[in-house]
Amino acid sequence: MASAFFLGKSKLTATQDAGPAYMLPTSDDPLISAFYAQLNDKEKIAHAIAVTKLGTSYDVTRTHGFLKWLAKQKQAK
């Protein structure tokens, strides 16, 4: 059974796919959704820990990983 909660612009759903339970993020923002889609399992777990520990002060658009990924996306265009 999956449970969900909202944090800022992201809806996070707990699941147990092929490993330990971690939060799979979704977002209405296409950039954030594309970023989340390319995360590997280890990065998803790290994201879940960050969201849990930082709570409402967590903003994925200010993370090093997102900013680095965004720069690569802009460079590819």
Protein backbone atom coordinates (compact mmCIF):
# COMPACT_ATOMS: atom_id res chain seq x y z
CA MET A 1 0.00 0.00 0.00
CA ALA A 2 1.36 3.41 -0.94
CA SER A 3 0.94 6.50 1.16
CA ALA A 4 1.32 10.06 -0.05
CA PHE A 5 1.82 13.51 1.38
CA PHE A 6 2.45 16.92 -0.09
CA LEU A 7 5.55 19.00 0.50
CA GLY A 8 5.68 22.31 -1.29
CA LYS A 9 5.14 21.73 -5.00
CA SER A 10 5.93 18.01 -4.82
CA LYS A 11 3.69 15.08 -4.02
CA LEU A 12 5.78 12.29 -2.55
CA THR A 13 4.59 8.69 -2.63
CA ALA A 14 6.12 5.97 -0.51
CA THR A 15 6.63 2.74 -2.37
CA GLN A 16 8.62 -0.46 -2.22
CA ASP A 17 9.75 -1.27 -5.76
CA ALA A 18 13.02 -3.19 -6.09
CA GLY A 19 14.64 -2.39 -2.80
CA PRO A 20 14.14 -0.46 0.40
CA ALA A 21 11.14 1.82 0.78
CA TYR A 22 11.80 5.35 -0.40
CA MET A 23 9.84 8.35 -1.52
CA LEU A 24 9.16 8.68 -5.24
CA PRO A 25 8.62 12.36 -6.00
CA THR A 26 6.18 13.76 -8.55
CA SER A 27 5.61 17.36 -9.50
CA ASP A 28 3.38 19.50 -11.69
CA ASP A 29 6.51 21.31 -12.92
CA PRO A 30 7.83 19.50 -16.03
CA LEU A 31 11.47 20.38 -15.23
CA ILE A 32 11.25 18.97 -11.74
CA SER A 33 9.43 15.86 -13.02
CA ALA A 34 12.14 15.30 -15.65
CA PHE A 35 14.84 15.69 -12.99
CA TYR A 36 13.13 13.20 -10.67
CA ALA A 37 12.66 10.72 -13.53
CA GLN A 38 16.41 10.51 -14.17
CA LEU A 39 17.40 9.87 -10.54
CA ASN A 40 18.84 6.46 -9.75
CA ASP A 41 17.74 4.46 -6.68
CA LYS A 42 20.56 5.79 -4.51
CA GLU A 43 19.69 9.40 -5.40
CA LYS A 44 16.00 8.75 -4.69
CA ILE A 45 16.87 7.49 -1.24
CA ALA A 46 19.10 10.53 -0.62
CA HIS A 47 16.24 12.77 -1.76
CA ALA A 48 13.84 11.08 0.66
CA ILE A 49 16.29 11.58 3.52
CA ALA A 50 16.73 15.26 2.64
CA VAL A 51 12.97 15.82 2.51
CA THR A 52 12.49 14.02 5.81
CA LYS A 53 15.28 15.81 7.64
CA LEU A 54 14.82 19.31 6.18
CA GLY A 55 11.04 19.33 5.96
CA THR A 56 9.49 22.46 4.52
CA SER A 57 12.87 24.18 4.16
CA TYR A 58 13.82 21.64 1.43
CA ASP A 59 13.59 23.04 -2.11
CA VAL A 60 14.72 20.72 -4.90
CA THR A 61 15.31 23.67 -7.26
CA ARG A 62 18.08 24.91 -4.97
CA THR A 63 19.95 21.61 -4.68
CA HIS A 64 23.36 21.08 -6.23
CA GLY A 65 22.14 18.05 -8.17
CA PHE A 66 19.18 19.88 -9.71
CA LEU A 67 21.22 22.95 -10.64
CA LYS A 68 23.94 20.78 -12.22
CA TRP A 69 21.32 18.77 -14.15
CA LEU A 70 19.57 21.97 -15.27
CA ALA A 71 22.84 23.43 -16.58
CA LYS A 72 23.42 20.26 -18.62
CA GLN A 73 19.89 20.49 -20.02
CA LYS A 74 20.39 24.11 -21.09
CA GLN A 75 23.78 23.27 -22.59
CA ALA A 76 22.26 20.43 -24.63
CA LYS A 77 19.74 22.79 -26.30
